[in-house]
N, C-alpha and C. Protein backbone atom coordinates (compact mmCIF):
# COMPACT_ATOMS: atom_id res chain seq x y z
N MET A 1 -15.72 1.69 -1.20
CA MET A 1 -14.52 2.49 -1.95
C MET A 1 -13.86 1.67 -2.83
N ARG A 2 -13.01 1.88 -3.75
CA ARG A 2 -12.45 1.28 -4.82
C ARG A 2 -10.84 1.27 -4.84
N TYR A 3 -10.03 0.20 -5.08
CA TYR A 3 -8.92 0.58 -4.85
C TYR A 3 -8.09 -0.26 -5.96
N LEU A 4 -6.88 0.60 -6.51
CA LEU A 4 -6.49 0.01 -7.68
C LEU A 4 -5.25 -1.07 -6.78
N VAL A 5 -4.98 -2.33 -7.08
CA VAL A 5 -4.06 -3.01 -6.24
C VAL A 5 -2.92 -3.35 -7.11
N VAL A 6 -1.62 -2.88 -7.06
CA VAL A 6 -0.54 -2.76 -7.83
C VAL A 6 0.59 -3.85 -7.24
N ALA A 7 0.98 -4.85 -7.89
CA ALA A 7 1.84 -5.86 -7.19
C ALA A 7 2.40 -6.57 -8.26
N ASN A 8 3.09 -7.41 -8.04
CA ASN A 8 3.69 -8.28 -8.79
C ASN A 8 4.52 -9.35 -8.10
N GLU A 9 5.54 -9.93 -7.24
CA GLU A 9 6.27 -10.87 -6.42
C GLU A 9 6.18 -10.78 -5.21
N THR A 10 4.87 -9.97 -5.01
CA THR A 10 4.64 -9.50 -3.55
C THR A 10 2.91 -9.99 -3.50
N LEU A 11 2.47 -10.32 -4.54
CA LEU A 11 0.85 -10.03 -4.86
C LEU A 11 0.27 -11.02 -3.60
N ALA A 12 0.69 -12.27 -4.09
CA ALA A 12 -0.44 -13.40 -3.00
C ALA A 12 0.41 -13.67 -1.61
N GLY A 13 0.95 -12.26 -0.87
CA GLY A 13 1.54 -12.68 -0.02
C GLY A 13 0.78 -12.21 1.41
N GLY A 14 1.16 -12.56 2.78
CA GLY A 14 0.60 -11.84 3.65
C GLY A 14 0.34 -10.80 4.06
N ASN A 15 1.03 -10.37 3.69
CA ASN A 15 1.20 -8.42 4.49
C ASN A 15 0.14 -7.92 3.65
N LEU A 16 0.08 -8.06 2.51
CA LEU A 16 -1.01 -7.44 1.47
C LEU A 16 -1.91 -8.37 1.71
N LEU A 17 -2.37 -9.46 2.25
CA LEU A 17 -3.92 -9.60 2.18
C LEU A 17 -4.26 -8.74 3.74
N SER A 18 -3.68 -8.80 4.37
CA SER A 18 -3.83 -8.36 5.62
C SER A 18 -3.92 -6.91 5.64
N ARG A 19 -3.40 -6.19 4.84
CA ARG A 19 -3.61 -4.73 4.79
C ARG A 19 -5.07 -4.40 3.68
N LEU A 20 -5.39 -4.93 2.72
CA LEU A 20 -6.08 -5.61 2.21
C LEU A 20 -7.49 -5.47 3.20
N ARG A 21 -7.58 -6.48 3.61
CA ARG A 21 -8.80 -6.86 4.93
C ARG A 21 -8.80 -5.63 5.59
N GLN A 22 -7.66 -4.61 6.30
CA GLN A 22 -7.88 -3.42 7.12
C GLN A 22 -8.78 -2.64 6.04
N LEU A 23 -8.44 -2.47 4.84
CA LEU A 23 -8.99 -1.67 4.32
C LEU A 23 -10.84 -1.68 3.87
N GLY A 24 -10.65 -3.08 3.78
CA GLY A 24 -12.36 -3.43 3.96
C GLY A 24 -13.15 -3.49 5.30
N ALA A 25 -12.51 -3.26 5.91
CA ALA A 25 -13.44 -3.75 7.40
C ALA A 25 -14.35 -2.86 7.16
N GLY A 26 -15.60 -2.94 7.66
CA GLY A 26 -16.91 -2.16 8.03
C GLY A 26 -16.69 -1.35 6.75
N GLU A 27 -16.83 -1.57 5.51
CA GLU A 27 -17.46 -1.11 4.35
C GLU A 27 -16.94 -1.75 3.12
N SER A 28 -18.29 -1.84 1.97
CA SER A 28 -17.81 -2.01 0.83
C SER A 28 -16.72 -1.70 0.22
N CYS A 29 -15.88 -3.03 -0.37
CA CYS A 29 -14.94 -2.39 -0.88
C CYS A 29 -14.83 -3.23 -2.20
N ARG A 30 -14.08 -2.10 -3.62
CA ARG A 30 -14.02 -3.20 -4.60
C ARG A 30 -12.57 -2.98 -4.89
N LEU A 31 -11.99 -4.25 -5.33
CA LEU A 31 -10.22 -4.00 -5.99
C LEU A 31 -10.12 -4.45 -7.06
N HIS A 32 -9.41 -3.52 -7.54
CA HIS A 32 -9.08 -4.10 -9.26
C HIS A 32 -7.22 -4.26 -8.84
N VAL A 33 -6.83 -5.41 -9.19
CA VAL A 33 -5.95 -5.95 -9.26
C VAL A 33 -4.83 -5.77 -10.54
N LEU A 34 -3.72 -5.32 -10.28
CA LEU A 34 -2.87 -5.09 -11.67
C LEU A 34 -1.32 -5.67 -11.87
N VAL A 35 -1.39 -6.31 -12.49
CA VAL A 35 0.03 -7.19 -12.22
C VAL A 35 1.21 -7.05 -13.58
N PRO A 36 1.97 -5.88 -13.43
CA PRO A 36 2.74 -5.72 -14.29
C PRO A 36 3.40 -7.03 -14.47
N ALA A 37 3.77 -7.04 -15.92
CA ALA A 37 4.62 -8.23 -16.34
C ALA A 37 5.93 -8.02 -16.39
N THR A 38 6.29 -7.64 -15.71
CA THR A 38 7.83 -7.60 -15.24
C THR A 38 8.61 -8.78 -15.20
N ALA A 39 9.71 -8.63 -16.35
CA ALA A 39 10.89 -9.54 -16.26
C ALA A 39 11.77 -9.75 -15.33
N PRO A 40 11.74 -10.95 -15.13
CA PRO A 40 12.96 -11.82 -13.48
C PRO A 40 14.07 -10.97 -13.88
N PRO A 41 14.70 -10.61 -12.99
CA PRO A 41 16.36 -9.85 -13.00
C PRO A 41 17.14 -11.24 -13.04
N ASP A 42 16.77 -12.48 -12.99
CA ASP A 42 17.63 -13.45 -12.69
C ASP A 42 18.03 -14.63 -13.92
N HIS A 43 17.74 -13.91 -14.81
CA HIS A 43 17.73 -14.93 -16.10
C HIS A 43 16.90 -14.69 -17.78
N VAL A 44 17.53 -14.83 -18.39
CA VAL A 44 16.82 -14.74 -19.62
C VAL A 44 15.34 -15.18 -19.83
N TRP A 45 14.48 -14.46 -20.33
CA TRP A 45 13.50 -14.54 -20.36
C TRP A 45 13.01 -14.16 -22.05
N THR A 46 11.32 -14.76 -21.48
CA THR A 46 11.04 -14.44 -23.24
C THR A 46 9.52 -13.23 -22.65
N GLU A 47 8.78 -12.70 -23.83
CA GLU A 47 7.28 -11.82 -23.39
C GLU A 47 6.53 -12.87 -23.07
N GLY A 48 6.24 -13.97 -23.40
CA GLY A 48 5.64 -15.30 -23.11
C GLY A 48 5.52 -15.33 -21.70
N GLU A 49 7.15 -15.68 -21.50
CA GLU A 49 7.28 -16.11 -19.91
C GLU A 49 6.55 -15.12 -18.98
N THR A 50 6.80 -13.91 -19.04
CA THR A 50 6.76 -12.73 -17.92
C THR A 50 5.14 -12.70 -17.83
N ILE A 51 4.07 -12.59 -19.14
CA ILE A 51 2.90 -12.82 -19.07
C ILE A 51 2.35 -14.18 -18.24
N ASP A 52 3.04 -15.06 -18.66
CA ASP A 52 2.29 -16.32 -18.00
C ASP A 52 2.63 -16.43 -16.49
N VAL A 53 3.63 -15.71 -15.89
CA VAL A 53 4.16 -15.73 -14.66
C VAL A 53 3.48 -14.55 -14.20
N ALA A 54 3.04 -13.88 -14.91
CA ALA A 54 2.40 -12.45 -13.88
C ALA A 54 0.11 -13.14 -13.81
N GLN A 55 0.23 -13.83 -15.15
CA GLN A 55 -1.05 -14.29 -15.26
C GLN A 55 -1.35 -15.47 -13.86
N ARG A 56 -0.05 -16.16 -13.70
CA ARG A 56 -0.21 -16.89 -12.41
C ARG A 56 -0.43 -16.16 -11.53
N ARG A 57 0.17 -15.51 -10.96
CA ARG A 57 0.41 -14.70 -9.63
C ARG A 57 -1.15 -13.79 -9.52
N LEU A 58 -1.52 -13.26 -10.43
CA LEU A 58 -3.05 -12.89 -10.68
C LEU A 58 -4.06 -13.91 -10.21
N ASP A 59 -3.64 -14.99 -10.68
CA ASP A 59 -5.32 -16.20 -10.47
C ASP A 59 -4.77 -16.70 -8.92
N THR A 60 -3.82 -16.60 -8.63
CA THR A 60 -3.43 -17.01 -7.08
C THR A 60 -3.98 -15.99 -6.36
N ALA A 61 -3.57 -14.83 -6.52
CA ALA A 61 -3.76 -13.49 -5.73
C ALA A 61 -5.93 -13.50 -5.80
N LEU A 62 -6.36 -13.40 -6.71
CA LEU A 62 -7.80 -13.58 -6.94
C LEU A 62 -8.20 -14.87 -6.11
N ASP A 63 -7.25 -15.60 -5.94
CA ASP A 63 -8.63 -16.55 -5.43
C ASP A 63 -8.31 -15.92 -3.69
N ARG A 64 -7.02 -15.98 -3.35
CA ARG A 64 -6.99 -15.39 -2.10
C ARG A 64 -8.09 -14.09 -1.53
N PHE A 65 -7.84 -13.16 -2.43
CA PHE A 65 -8.81 -11.60 -2.17
C PHE A 65 -10.58 -12.34 -1.91
N ARG A 66 -10.44 -13.09 -2.53
CA ARG A 66 -11.80 -13.30 -2.63
C ARG A 66 -12.64 -13.78 -1.53
N GLU A 67 -11.65 -14.37 -0.09
CA GLU A 67 -11.90 -14.64 1.22
C GLU A 67 -12.50 -13.06 2.01
N LEU A 68 -11.85 -12.40 1.19
CA LEU A 68 -12.27 -10.61 1.66
C LEU A 68 -13.56 -10.12 1.77
N ASP A 69 -14.32 -10.82 0.81
CA ASP A 69 -15.84 -10.09 1.00
C ASP A 69 -15.76 -8.94 0.01
N ALA A 70 -14.67 -8.66 -0.39
CA ALA A 70 -14.95 -7.87 -1.53
C ALA A 70 -15.31 -8.34 -2.82
N GLU A 71 -15.54 -7.22 -4.07
CA GLU A 71 -15.59 -7.37 -5.09
C GLU A 71 -14.38 -7.39 -5.90
N VAL A 72 -13.98 -8.20 -6.42
CA VAL A 72 -12.43 -8.54 -6.62
C VAL A 72 -12.16 -8.69 -8.38
N ASP A 73 -11.78 -8.05 -9.35
CA ASP A 73 -11.20 -8.59 -10.11
C ASP A 73 -9.45 -8.09 -10.92
N GLY A 74 -9.23 -8.07 -11.92
CA GLY A 74 -7.89 -8.17 -12.25
C GLY A 74 -7.61 -7.95 -13.51
N GLU A 75 -5.84 -7.84 -13.75
CA GLU A 75 -5.58 -7.94 -15.29
C GLU A 75 -3.84 -8.03 -15.26
N VAL A 76 -3.49 -8.54 -16.18
CA VAL A 76 -2.01 -8.40 -16.23
C VAL A 76 -1.22 -6.96 -17.36
N GLY A 77 -0.62 -6.63 -16.59
CA GLY A 77 -0.46 -5.21 -17.67
C GLY A 77 0.78 -4.78 -17.76
N ASP A 78 1.19 -3.78 -18.56
CA ASP A 78 2.24 -3.60 -19.53
C ASP A 78 3.61 -3.94 -18.63
N ALA A 79 4.41 -4.21 -18.34
CA ALA A 79 6.10 -4.63 -18.09
C ALA A 79 6.52 -3.26 -17.02
N ARG A 80 5.78 -1.94 -17.56
CA ARG A 80 6.32 -0.66 -16.94
C ARG A 80 5.24 -0.66 -15.96
N PRO A 81 5.72 -0.54 -14.93
CA PRO A 81 4.39 -0.38 -13.78
C PRO A 81 3.73 0.87 -13.49
N LEU A 82 4.21 1.92 -14.36
CA LEU A 82 3.99 2.99 -14.00
C LEU A 82 2.91 3.43 -15.27
N GLN A 83 3.49 2.72 -16.69
CA GLN A 83 2.59 2.51 -17.59
C GLN A 83 1.31 1.63 -17.67
N ALA A 84 1.57 0.45 -17.22
CA ALA A 84 0.11 -0.53 -16.88
C ALA A 84 -0.38 0.50 -16.23
N ILE A 85 -0.23 1.38 -14.89
CA ILE A 85 -1.31 2.18 -14.33
C ILE A 85 -2.02 3.25 -15.10
N ALA A 86 -1.09 3.91 -16.00
CA ALA A 86 -1.71 4.89 -16.70
C ALA A 86 -2.59 4.22 -17.86
N ASP A 87 -2.36 3.18 -18.21
CA ASP A 87 -3.55 2.26 -18.81
C ASP A 87 -4.77 1.97 -18.69
N VAL A 88 -4.90 1.84 -17.18
CA VAL A 88 -5.93 1.41 -16.13
C VAL A 88 -6.65 2.86 -16.54
N PHE A 89 -6.26 3.82 -16.13
CA PHE A 89 -6.82 4.96 -16.29
C PHE A 89 -7.37 5.84 -17.17
N GLU A 90 -6.23 5.38 -18.36
CA GLU A 90 -7.02 5.53 -19.95
C GLU A 90 -8.09 5.45 -20.25
N ARG A 91 -8.36 4.10 -19.89
CA ARG A 91 -9.88 3.66 -20.10
C ARG A 91 -10.89 4.09 -19.20
N GLY A 92 -10.90 5.09 -18.94
CA GLY A 92 -11.47 5.76 -17.74
C GLY A 92 -11.83 5.29 -16.35
N GLU A 93 -11.21 4.20 -15.75
CA GLU A 93 -11.37 3.55 -14.60
C GLU A 93 -10.87 4.84 -13.30
N ALA A 94 -11.94 4.43 -12.09
CA ALA A 94 -12.03 5.63 -11.24
C ALA A 94 -11.31 4.64 -9.99
N PHE A 95 -10.76 5.26 -9.16
CA PHE A 95 -10.19 4.40 -7.66
C PHE A 95 -10.57 5.64 -6.90
N ASP A 96 -10.36 5.10 -5.31
CA ASP A 96 -10.07 6.30 -4.46
C ASP A 96 -8.95 5.86 -3.60
N GLY A 97 -8.47 5.25 -4.21
CA GLY A 97 -7.02 4.66 -3.78
C GLY A 97 -6.21 3.75 -4.50
N ILE A 98 -4.79 4.07 -4.48
CA ILE A 98 -3.46 3.09 -5.11
C ILE A 98 -3.17 2.14 -4.01
N VAL A 99 -3.47 1.15 -4.18
CA VAL A 99 -2.27 -0.02 -2.83
C VAL A 99 -1.32 -0.62 -3.81
N LEU A 100 0.03 -0.42 -3.53
CA LEU A 100 0.82 -0.51 -3.95
C LEU A 100 2.04 -1.63 -3.37
N SER A 101 2.56 -2.94 -3.31
CA SER A 101 3.15 -4.07 -2.42
C SER A 101 4.46 -3.89 -3.68
N THR A 102 5.54 -4.03 -2.65
CA THR A 102 6.65 -3.73 -3.14
C THR A 102 7.56 -5.12 -2.62
N LEU A 103 8.61 -5.36 -2.73
CA LEU A 103 9.57 -5.98 -1.99
C LEU A 103 10.16 -4.99 -0.83
N PRO A 104 11.11 -5.54 0.04
CA PRO A 104 11.89 -4.58 1.06
C PRO A 104 12.87 -3.79 -0.01
N PRO A 105 13.33 -2.63 0.76
CA PRO A 105 13.78 -1.39 -0.06
C PRO A 105 15.21 -2.22 -0.65
N ASN A 106 15.69 -3.14 -0.10
CA ASN A 106 17.21 -3.75 -0.76
C ASN A 106 16.86 -4.09 -2.05
N LEU A 107 16.15 -4.54 -1.63
CA LEU A 107 15.32 -5.82 -2.92
C LEU A 107 14.36 -5.39 -4.30
N SER A 108 13.54 -4.17 -4.28
CA SER A 108 12.74 -3.78 -4.78
C SER A 108 13.10 -3.00 -5.65
N ARG A 109 13.00 -3.62 -7.05
CA ARG A 109 13.35 -2.60 -8.16
C ARG A 109 12.42 -1.03 -8.20
N TRP A 110 11.35 -1.74 -8.03
CA TRP A 110 10.30 -0.38 -7.94
C TRP A 110 10.70 0.89 -6.82
N LEU A 111 10.55 0.19 -5.86
CA LEU A 111 11.63 1.16 -4.76
C LEU A 111 12.66 2.02 -5.03
N LYS A 112 13.31 1.86 -6.06
CA LYS A 112 14.67 2.32 -6.72
C LYS A 112 14.18 3.25 -7.62
N LEU A 113 12.96 3.34 -8.15
CA LEU A 113 12.75 3.61 -9.19
C LEU A 113 11.65 5.10 -8.75
N ASP A 114 11.65 4.89 -7.10
CA ASP A 114 10.93 5.72 -6.33
C ASP A 114 9.48 5.82 -6.84
N LEU A 115 8.92 4.55 -7.09
CA LEU A 115 7.40 4.21 -8.06
C LEU A 115 6.09 4.62 -7.22
N PRO A 116 6.58 4.64 -5.46
CA PRO A 116 5.24 5.07 -4.58
C PRO A 116 4.74 6.53 -5.18
N HIS A 117 6.14 7.35 -4.68
CA HIS A 117 5.80 8.89 -4.87
C HIS A 117 5.55 9.32 -6.13
N ARG A 118 6.16 8.62 -7.66
CA ARG A 118 5.64 8.44 -9.03
C ARG A 118 4.84 8.46 -9.15
N VAL A 119 3.64 7.54 -8.09
CA VAL A 119 2.88 7.05 -8.52
C VAL A 119 1.51 8.26 -8.27
N GLU A 120 1.69 8.46 -7.05
CA GLU A 120 1.01 9.42 -6.25
C GLU A 120 0.70 10.59 -6.94
N SER A 121 1.87 11.46 -7.30
CA SER A 121 2.14 12.90 -8.07
C SER A 121 1.65 12.76 -9.54
N THR A 122 1.97 11.65 -9.94
CA THR A 122 1.16 11.24 -11.04
C THR A 122 -0.20 11.33 -11.27
N PHE A 123 -0.35 10.22 -10.82
CA PHE A 123 -2.16 9.85 -10.68
C PHE A 123 -3.00 10.79 -9.64
N GLY A 124 -2.60 11.62 -8.31
CA GLY A 124 -3.51 12.35 -7.71
C GLY A 124 -3.94 11.81 -6.67
N LEU A 125 -3.97 10.43 -6.33
CA LEU A 125 -5.12 9.67 -5.74
C LEU A 125 -3.41 9.27 -4.18
N PRO A 126 -4.29 9.10 -3.10
CA PRO A 126 -3.41 8.43 -1.95
C PRO A 126 -3.07 6.72 -2.64
N VAL A 127 -1.54 6.90 -2.17
CA VAL A 127 -1.11 5.60 -2.18
C VAL A 127 -0.37 5.12 -0.92
N ILE A 128 -0.80 3.84 -0.69
CA ILE A 128 -0.68 3.08 0.50
C ILE A 128 0.39 1.93 -0.03
N HIS A 129 1.64 2.18 0.31
CA HIS A 129 2.69 1.49 0.30
C HIS A 129 2.73 0.45 1.31
N VAL A 130 2.73 -0.81 0.50
CA VAL A 130 2.66 -2.33 1.47
C VAL A 130 3.96 -3.22 0.98
N VAL A 131 4.59 -3.39 2.18
CA VAL A 131 6.28 -3.79 1.91
C VAL A 131 6.03 -5.19 2.17
N GLY A 132 6.39 -6.49 1.15
CA GLY A 132 6.35 -7.92 1.14
C GLY A 132 7.28 -8.64 1.12
N SER A 133 7.04 -9.84 1.02
CA SER A 133 8.24 -10.65 0.71
C SER A 133 7.69 -11.30 -0.52
N ARG A 134 8.74 -12.17 -1.50
CA ARG A 134 8.65 -12.60 -2.71
C ARG A 134 7.87 -13.80 -2.50
N GLU A 135 6.89 -14.09 -3.64
CA GLU A 135 5.84 -15.26 -3.37
C GLU A 135 6.15 -16.18 -4.83
N ASP A 136 6.48 -17.21 -4.29
CA ASP A 136 6.87 -18.35 -5.32
C ASP A 136 5.05 -18.73 -5.92
N VAL A 137 5.10 -18.78 -7.48
CA VAL A 137 4.18 -19.53 -8.44
C VAL A 137 4.27 -20.45 -9.15
N SER A 138 5.17 -21.48 -8.79
CA SER A 138 6.05 -22.36 -10.04
C SER A 138 4.17 -22.61 -10.31
N ALA A 139 4.85 -23.28 -11.90
CA ALA A 139 3.61 -23.77 -12.62
C ALA A 139 3.20 -25.38 -11.30
């Protein structure tokens, strides 16, 4: 099975790692991790800052996900998560499902945008929604 894993602030968290471990149990699993370079809501930011933070999150997650005994790779994508996912599919990538990790409903901008349902209806793949907590990726 091959999964597209989409997350930002929750990427390196235990909830997502646990869910990915369940998905890969007993079968060969490949993961492509996509981190939309989403701007932080709490301060003025630069595009370079958002890309740097997303890259640190990706690097941390790739290190953690390698313990899953799965093929793992990833990339930083467009700040708009739906567009970031579309960019991956436009390259001809194929997946069996999409794992989307968000903050809880009261904190998640992605849930306010109804992203899990929009992703499922746009790309026609099952979406596995994981709720996690914010992970610090300080330099």
